[in-house]
């Protein structure tokens, strides 16, 4: 039997509520399956920790996490803590420190999920976004000159390396080849005449190794439009860190909302632990009320099981979510139901173990 040690950073706001349901479902799946087991260790890091200690996580945080098989993260963000601190000093610290260069986000309209686009069905919206997760505008490179003076200047560098671009683009080509799907690259080469022209060049270079993969390339503004007007165009999508961050939130909006939006930060070589997190925020306005939607966290746990070599469990989790969406008896208020966070998690565990 395989045993996986999981670090849990429940984080802020609704994070502990939703991640608790993901852990509940993982325990139920492990008991049902019998091939693997889990142990979970909680770390109280995040914004509330920052307000007490001045740090989002301890200085040796990466050393503490390094020995785990994976990290489950709930949500980060809290009133009074600037977003650039909460993001950069925890989430990006882990992504960069553990070279989690693949951000994998499904944009899939599930059966029974609400969709704001008229006439669209699950067959129309079924994308997998591969977002570069280590460079671009999130690299933290730049300068702040002549601060608080009339001559004040800020410079934010977008960092694009051949290694960084090539490995994420190759990962996307491999996935498209494996699944027999089209691959679309999204960039902005007409305006960003260094970084995105470079990206486009490497997309074409790597593509020569995959003649069987049908490819498309769109500028990010056109891609935003087509995601709304004709989402069927997109199957596997690869894009830069910043564009991927923006477009996957748009993807969540057209495929059922943030409560159904899962995300994985992968180190494919497994040299370091990967991190699994729903892409919604900490939602402090509903924290503690027991009404947060745990389905994104549960789907994220399914992504973790896929990464560990059990993709059938992610498929079963997605099917289970569809069952809940169609039965409508155990949904949280954001999806039009009246169930509590815990009741929704209980229903998922029951579906998966019956």
Protein backbone atom coordinates (compact mmCIF):
# COMPACT_ATOMS: atom_id res chain seq x y z
CA UNK A 1 0.00 0.00 0.00
CA UNK A 2 1.24 3.46 -0.87
CA UNK A 3 1.25 6.03 1.90
CA UNK A 4 1.19 9.75 1.15
CA UNK A 5 2.17 12.45 3.64
CA UNK A 6 0.23 15.63 2.90
CA UNK A 7 0.95 19.09 4.30
CA UNK A 8 -2.25 21.07 4.79
CA UNK A 9 -2.16 24.88 4.74
CA UNK A 10 -5.82 25.68 5.24
CA UNK A 11 -5.09 29.42 5.15
CA UNK A 12 -7.60 32.20 5.66
CA UNK A 13 -11.31 32.89 5.50
CA UNK A 14 -13.22 29.94 4.07
CA UNK A 15 -9.98 28.02 3.50
CA UNK A 16 -10.22 25.82 6.64
CA UNK A 17 -13.89 25.07 5.90
CA UNK A 18 -13.43 23.91 2.32
CA UNK A 19 -10.10 22.16 2.78
CA UNK A 20 -11.59 20.23 5.68
CA UNK A 21 -14.13 18.72 3.29
CA UNK A 22 -11.42 17.82 0.79
CA UNK A 23 -9.54 15.99 3.53
CA UNK A 24 -12.77 14.25 4.58
CA UNK A 25 -13.34 13.02 1.01
CA UNK A 26 -9.72 11.90 0.60
CA UNK A 27 -9.94 9.82 3.76
CA UNK A 28 -13.16 8.21 2.54
CA UNK A 29 -11.64 7.43 -0.86
CA UNK A 30 -8.53 5.90 0.70
CA UNK A 31 -10.64 3.64 2.92
CA UNK A 32 -12.79 2.62 -0.05
CA UNK A 33 -9.89 1.99 -2.44
CA UNK A 34 -7.42 0.17 -0.21
CA UNK A 35 -4.36 0.77 -2.38
CA UNK A 36 -3.20 3.94 -0.62
CA UNK A 37 -3.52 5.85 2.61
CA UNK A 38 -2.90 9.41 3.80
CA UNK A 39 -1.60 11.29 6.77
CA UNK A 40 -2.28 15.01 7.06
CA UNK A 41 -0.24 17.60 8.95
CA UNK A 42 -1.72 21.08 9.47
CA UNK A 43 0.26 24.30 9.31
CA UNK A 44 -1.46 27.52 10.48
CA UNK A 45 0.24 29.78 7.93
CA UNK A 46 -1.41 32.62 6.04
CA UNK A 47 -2.61 36.16 6.67
CA UNK A 48 -3.86 35.65 10.20
CA UNK A 49 -0.48 34.10 11.00
CA UNK A 50 1.12 37.17 9.40
CA UNK A 51 -0.85 39.56 11.60
CA UNK A 52 0.47 37.71 14.66
CA UNK A 53 4.07 37.10 13.57
CA UNK A 54 4.89 39.48 10.69
CA UNK A 55 5.46 36.49 8.38
CA UNK A 56 3.16 34.58 6.05
CA UNK A 57 5.08 31.44 6.95
CA UNK A 58 8.26 30.81 8.95
CA UNK A 59 11.61 31.48 7.34
CA UNK A 60 12.26 27.73 7.21
CA UNK A 61 8.82 27.05 5.72
CA UNK A 62 10.13 25.48 2.53
CA UNK A 63 12.42 23.18 4.51
CA UNK A 64 9.43 22.11 6.62
CA UNK A 65 7.36 21.33 3.50
CA UNK A 66 10.11 19.73 1.45
CA UNK A 67 9.65 16.20 2.76
CA UNK A 68 5.92 15.95 2.02
CA UNK A 69 4.43 14.21 -0.99
CA UNK A 70 2.07 17.12 -1.71
CA UNK A 71 0.59 20.29 -0.25
CA UNK A 72 -3.11 21.07 0.05
CA UNK A 73 -3.79 24.81 0.22
CA UNK A 74 -7.17 26.28 1.12
CA UNK A 75 -7.18 30.02 0.41
CA UNK A 76 -5.03 33.04 1.21
CA UNK A 77 -6.18 36.61 1.82
CA UNK A 78 -7.45 38.65 4.73
CA UNK A 79 -8.55 42.26 5.31
CA UNK A 80 -5.65 44.37 6.44
CA UNK A 81 -2.95 42.35 4.67
CA UNK A 82 -1.94 43.76 1.25
CA UNK A 83 -2.53 41.29 -1.57
CA UNK A 84 1.04 41.51 -2.86
CA UNK A 85 2.30 40.34 0.55
CA UNK A 86 -0.18 37.49 0.91
CA UNK A 87 0.53 36.28 -2.62
CA UNK A 88 4.28 36.73 -2.83
CA UNK A 89 5.30 35.65 0.66
CA UNK A 90 3.41 32.35 0.71
CA UNK A 91 1.90 31.16 -2.56
CA UNK A 92 4.63 32.41 -4.90
CA UNK A 93 7.32 31.49 -2.39
CA UNK A 94 6.16 27.88 -2.55
CA UNK A 95 5.57 27.85 -6.32
CA UNK A 96 9.01 29.28 -7.06
CA UNK A 97 10.88 27.48 -4.29
CA UNK A 98 9.57 24.08 -5.36
CA UNK A 99 9.78 24.80 -9.10
CA UNK A 100 6.05 24.18 -9.60
CA UNK A 101 6.28 25.42 -13.16
CA UNK A 102 3.04 23.86 -14.43
CA UNK A 103 -0.27 25.37 -13.36
CA UNK A 104 -3.02 22.99 -14.47
CA UNK A 105 -6.57 24.34 -14.48
CA UNK A 106 -9.57 22.54 -15.97
CA UNK A 107 -12.24 24.78 -17.48
CA UNK A 108 -15.07 22.32 -17.94
CA UNK A 109 -18.80 22.97 -17.86
CA UNK A 110 -20.16 20.09 -15.81
CA UNK A 111 -23.61 18.64 -16.31
CA UNK A 112 -26.03 20.62 -14.18
CA UNK A 113 -23.67 23.55 -13.58
CA UNK A 114 -24.93 27.09 -14.22
CA UNK A 115 -23.56 28.85 -17.30
CA UNK A 116 -24.05 32.54 -18.11
CA UNK A 117 -23.55 31.90 -21.83
CA UNK A 118 -26.79 31.37 -23.70
CA UNK A 119 -27.24 27.97 -25.27
CA UNK A 120 -23.87 26.51 -24.26
CA UNK A 121 -23.63 22.88 -23.18
CA UNK A 122 -20.87 20.75 -21.60
CA UNK A 123 -19.80 19.81 -25.12
CA UNK A 124 -19.04 23.49 -25.82
CA UNK A 125 -16.84 24.20 -22.78
CA UNK A 126 -14.17 21.59 -22.11
CA UNK A 127 -10.70 23.11 -21.88
CA UNK A 128 -7.50 22.35 -20.01
CA UNK A 129 -5.33 25.39 -19.33
CA UNK A 130 -1.58 24.89 -18.95
CA UNK A 131 -0.31 28.11 -17.41
CA UNK A 132 3.40 28.83 -17.08
CA UNK A 133 3.78 29.16 -13.31
CA UNK A 134 7.32 30.34 -12.53
CA UNK A 135 8.26 33.33 -14.69
CA UNK A 136 6.64 36.16 -16.61
CA UNK A 137 5.43 39.20 -14.72
CA UNK A 138 5.26 37.14 -11.50
CA UNK A 139 9.03 36.64 -11.37
CA UNK A 140 9.31 39.68 -9.09
CA UNK A 141 11.95 41.42 -11.18
CA UNK A 142 11.95 45.20 -11.44
CA UNK A 143 12.80 48.46 -9.74
CA UNK A 144 11.16 51.35 -7.89
CA UNK A 145 13.06 54.56 -8.50
CA UNK A 146 12.80 58.03 -6.94
CA UNK A 147 10.07 56.83 -4.60
CA UNK A 148 7.57 59.43 -3.37
CA UNK A 149 8.97 62.11 -5.65
CA UNK A 150 7.54 63.75 -8.80
CA UNK A 151 10.08 61.73 -10.81
CA UNK A 152 8.87 58.39 -9.40
CA UNK A 153 9.28 55.48 -11.82
CA UNK A 154 8.39 51.80 -11.48
CA UNK A 155 9.69 49.05 -13.75
CA UNK A 156 8.11 45.59 -13.75
CA UNK A 157 10.07 43.12 -15.83
CA UNK A 158 8.48 40.15 -17.53
CA UNK A 159 11.02 37.34 -17.35
CA UNK A 160 10.89 34.71 -20.12
CA UNK A 161 13.66 32.14 -20.39
CA UNK A 162 14.09 29.54 -23.10
CA UNK A 163 14.03 26.80 -20.46
CA UNK A 164 10.92 28.20 -18.79
CA UNK A 165 8.93 28.63 -21.99
CA UNK A 166 10.06 25.41 -23.62
CA UNK A 167 9.24 23.11 -20.73
CA UNK A 168 5.69 24.38 -20.24
CA UNK A 169 4.99 24.40 -23.97
CA UNK A 170 6.36 20.86 -24.33
CA UNK A 171 4.20 19.69 -21.42
CA UNK A 172 1.16 21.12 -23.23
CA UNK A 173 2.09 19.44 -26.51
CA UNK A 174 2.54 16.11 -24.71
CA UNK A 175 -0.89 16.43 -23.09
CA UNK A 176 -2.57 17.37 -26.38
CA UNK A 177 -0.86 14.42 -28.10
CA UNK A 178 -1.86 11.99 -25.34
CA UNK A 179 -5.49 13.12 -25.37
CA UNK A 180 -5.81 13.60 -29.13
CA UNK A 181 -6.91 17.20 -28.71
CA UNK A 182 -6.00 20.51 -30.32
CA UNK A 183 -3.46 22.85 -28.71
CA UNK A 184 -3.88 26.61 -28.65
CA UNK A 185 -1.17 29.08 -27.65
CA UNK A 186 -2.30 32.46 -26.32
CA UNK A 187 0.12 35.38 -26.37
CA UNK A 188 0.37 39.04 -27.37
CA UNK A 189 3.21 39.17 -29.85
CA UNK A 190 1.92 42.22 -31.71
CA UNK A 191 2.43 44.46 -28.67
CA UNK A 192 5.03 42.70 -26.51
CA UNK A 193 7.74 42.64 -29.11
CA UNK A 194 10.33 40.78 -27.05
CA UNK A 195 8.68 38.41 -24.58
CA UNK A 196 5.68 37.28 -26.60
CA UNK A 197 7.49 37.13 -29.93
CA UNK A 198 9.95 34.86 -28.11
CA UNK A 199 7.07 32.76 -26.74
CA UNK A 200 5.54 32.41 -30.21
CA UNK A 201 8.89 31.39 -31.65
CA UNK A 202 9.39 28.64 -29.07
CA UNK A 203 5.80 27.41 -29.53
CA UNK A 204 6.58 26.94 -33.24
CA UNK A 205 9.97 25.33 -32.56
CA UNK A 206 8.63 22.76 -30.10
CA UNK A 207 5.69 22.10 -32.41
CA UNK A 208 8.03 20.65 -35.03
CA UNK A 209 8.41 17.64 -32.71
CA UNK A 210 4.63 17.10 -32.67
CA UNK A 211 3.41 17.13 -36.28
CA UNK A 212 0.32 15.13 -35.27
CA UNK A 213 -0.97 17.89 -32.94
CA UNK A 214 -3.30 20.45 -34.52
CA UNK A 215 -2.33 23.90 -33.27
CA UNK A 216 -3.79 27.40 -33.14
CA UNK A 217 -2.44 30.71 -31.91
CA UNK A 218 -4.49 33.67 -30.67
CA UNK A 219 -3.73 37.06 -29.24
CA UNK A 220 -4.99 37.29 -25.69
CA UNK A 221 -7.65 39.90 -26.46
CA UNK A 222 -9.10 37.79 -29.28
CA UNK A 223 -8.90 34.68 -27.10
CA UNK A 224 -10.90 36.46 -24.38
CA UNK A 225 -13.61 37.23 -26.91
CA UNK A 226 -13.70 33.70 -28.33
CA UNK A 227 -13.89 32.13 -24.86
CA UNK A 228 -17.24 33.88 -24.53
CA UNK A 229 -18.56 33.71 -28.08
CA UNK A 230 -17.14 30.36 -29.23
CA UNK A 231 -15.52 28.42 -26.36
CA UNK A 232 -15.59 25.19 -28.37
CA UNK A 233 -12.48 26.50 -30.18
CA UNK A 234 -10.35 25.69 -27.14
CA UNK A 235 -9.26 22.23 -25.97
CA UNK A 236 -5.73 22.25 -24.51
CA UNK A 237 -4.46 25.80 -24.00
CA UNK A 238 -0.95 26.96 -23.11
CA UNK A 239 -0.17 30.51 -22.07
CA UNK A 240 2.00 32.71 -19.91
CA UNK A 241 1.72 33.26 -16.18
CA UNK A 242 -0.19 36.54 -16.25
CA UNK A 243 -2.48 35.73 -19.16
CA UNK A 244 -3.22 32.31 -17.70
CA UNK A 245 -4.16 33.82 -14.35
CA UNK A 246 -6.66 36.18 -15.97
CA UNK A 247 -8.13 33.81 -18.54
CA UNK A 248 -8.75 30.97 -16.09
CA UNK A 249 -10.87 33.26 -13.92
CA UNK A 250 -12.87 34.03 -17.05
CA UNK A 251 -13.00 30.29 -17.62
CA UNK A 252 -14.38 29.77 -14.11
CA UNK A 253 -17.07 32.37 -14.77
CA UNK A 254 -18.33 30.55 -17.88
CA UNK A 255 -18.15 27.05 -16.38
CA UNK A 256 -20.13 27.23 -13.17
CA UNK A 257 -18.36 29.82 -11.04
CA UNK A 258 -15.37 29.99 -8.71
CA UNK A 259 -16.87 27.37 -6.41
CA UNK A 260 -16.17 24.75 -9.08
CA UNK A 261 -12.70 25.94 -10.12
CA UNK A 262 -9.85 23.57 -9.29
CA UNK A 263 -6.13 24.20 -9.73
CA UNK A 264 -2.83 22.35 -9.43
CA UNK A 265 0.74 23.66 -9.16
CA UNK A 266 2.93 20.85 -10.43
CA UNK A 267 6.58 19.95 -10.32
CA UNK A 268 6.22 17.19 -12.95
CA UNK A 269 9.55 15.58 -12.12
CA UNK A 270 8.44 15.17 -8.45
CA UNK A 271 11.77 16.50 -7.22
CA UNK A 272 9.72 18.75 -4.94
CA UNK A 273 6.18 18.46 -3.61
CA UNK A 274 3.40 19.81 -5.81
CA UNK A 275 0.64 22.01 -4.41
CA UNK A 276 -3.10 21.69 -4.99
CA UNK A 277 -5.48 24.60 -4.40
CA UNK A 278 -8.92 25.77 -5.48
CA UNK A 279 -8.56 29.02 -7.38
CA UNK A 280 -11.20 30.95 -5.45
CA UNK A 281 -10.21 33.45 -2.77
CA UNK A 282 -10.70 33.42 0.98
CA UNK A 283 -14.17 35.05 0.79
CA UNK A 284 -14.00 36.70 4.24
CA UNK A 285 -17.59 37.93 3.85
CA UNK A 286 -18.93 34.38 4.25
CA UNK A 287 -16.15 32.86 6.36
CA UNK A 288 -17.37 31.04 9.44
CA UNK A 289 -20.95 30.77 8.21
CA UNK A 290 -20.63 27.19 7.01
CA UNK A 291 -21.99 27.96 3.55
CA UNK A 292 -18.82 28.00 1.42
CA UNK A 293 -18.76 25.68 -1.58
CA UNK A 294 -16.21 22.86 -1.05
CA UNK A 295 -16.50 21.30 -4.51
CA UNK A 296 -13.51 23.14 -6.00
CA UNK A 297 -11.34 21.91 -3.12
CA UNK A 298 -12.64 18.36 -3.56
CA UNK A 299 -11.95 18.48 -7.31
CA UNK A 300 -8.47 19.80 -6.49
CA UNK A 301 -7.97 16.76 -4.24
CA UNK A 302 -8.91 14.69 -7.28
CA UNK A 303 -6.16 16.40 -9.26
CA UNK A 304 -3.76 15.32 -6.53
CA UNK A 305 -4.92 11.73 -6.85
CA UNK A 306 -4.35 11.92 -10.63
CA UNK A 307 -0.83 13.21 -10.03
CA UNK A 308 -0.19 10.31 -7.65
CA UNK A 309 -1.21 7.86 -10.38
CA UNK A 310 -4.92 7.34 -9.70
CA UNK A 311 -6.66 9.38 -12.44
CA UNK A 312 -9.78 7.25 -12.19
CA UNK A 313 -10.53 8.89 -8.85
CA UNK A 314 -10.45 12.37 -10.35
CA UNK A 315 -12.88 11.11 -13.00
CA UNK A 316 -15.13 9.72 -10.28
CA UNK A 317 -14.97 12.98 -8.32
CA UNK A 318 -15.98 14.98 -11.40
CA UNK A 319 -18.83 12.54 -12.04
CA UNK A 320 -19.85 12.85 -8.39
CA UNK A 321 -19.93 16.63 -8.62
CA UNK A 322 -22.15 16.30 -11.70
CA UNK A 323 -24.46 14.02 -9.71
CA UNK A 324 -24.78 16.64 -6.98
CA UNK A 325 -25.36 19.41 -9.53
CA UNK A 326 -28.17 17.44 -11.17
CA UNK A 327 -29.80 16.15 -7.99
CA UNK A 328 -29.69 19.69 -6.47
CA UNK A 329 -30.29 18.41 -2.92
CA UNK A 330 -26.84 19.00 -1.40
CA UNK A 331 -25.67 22.23 -3.02
CA UNK A 332 -24.41 25.31 -1.21
CA UNK A 333 -26.12 28.71 -1.68
CA UNK A 334 -23.77 29.90 -4.45
CA UNK A 335 -25.19 27.10 -6.61
CA UNK A 336 -28.79 27.77 -5.64
CA UNK A 337 -29.01 25.25 -2.80
CA UNK A 338 -29.39 25.43 0.96
CA UNK A 339 -26.83 22.85 2.11
CA UNK A 340 -23.98 23.61 4.47
CA UNK A 341 -20.34 23.17 3.52
CA UNK A 342 -20.16 20.02 5.65
CA UNK A 343 -23.37 18.56 4.22
CA UNK A 344 -22.07 19.07 0.68
CA UNK A 345 -18.83 17.32 1.62
CA UNK A 346 -20.74 14.48 3.28
CA UNK A 347 -22.82 14.02 0.12
CA UNK A 348 -19.69 13.82 -2.02
CA UNK A 349 -18.10 11.27 0.30
CA UNK A 350 -21.29 9.18 0.19
CA UNK A 351 -21.46 9.25 -3.60
CA UNK A 352 -17.82 8.22 -3.94
CA UNK A 353 -17.97 5.34 -1.48
CA UNK A 354 -21.31 3.77 -2.30
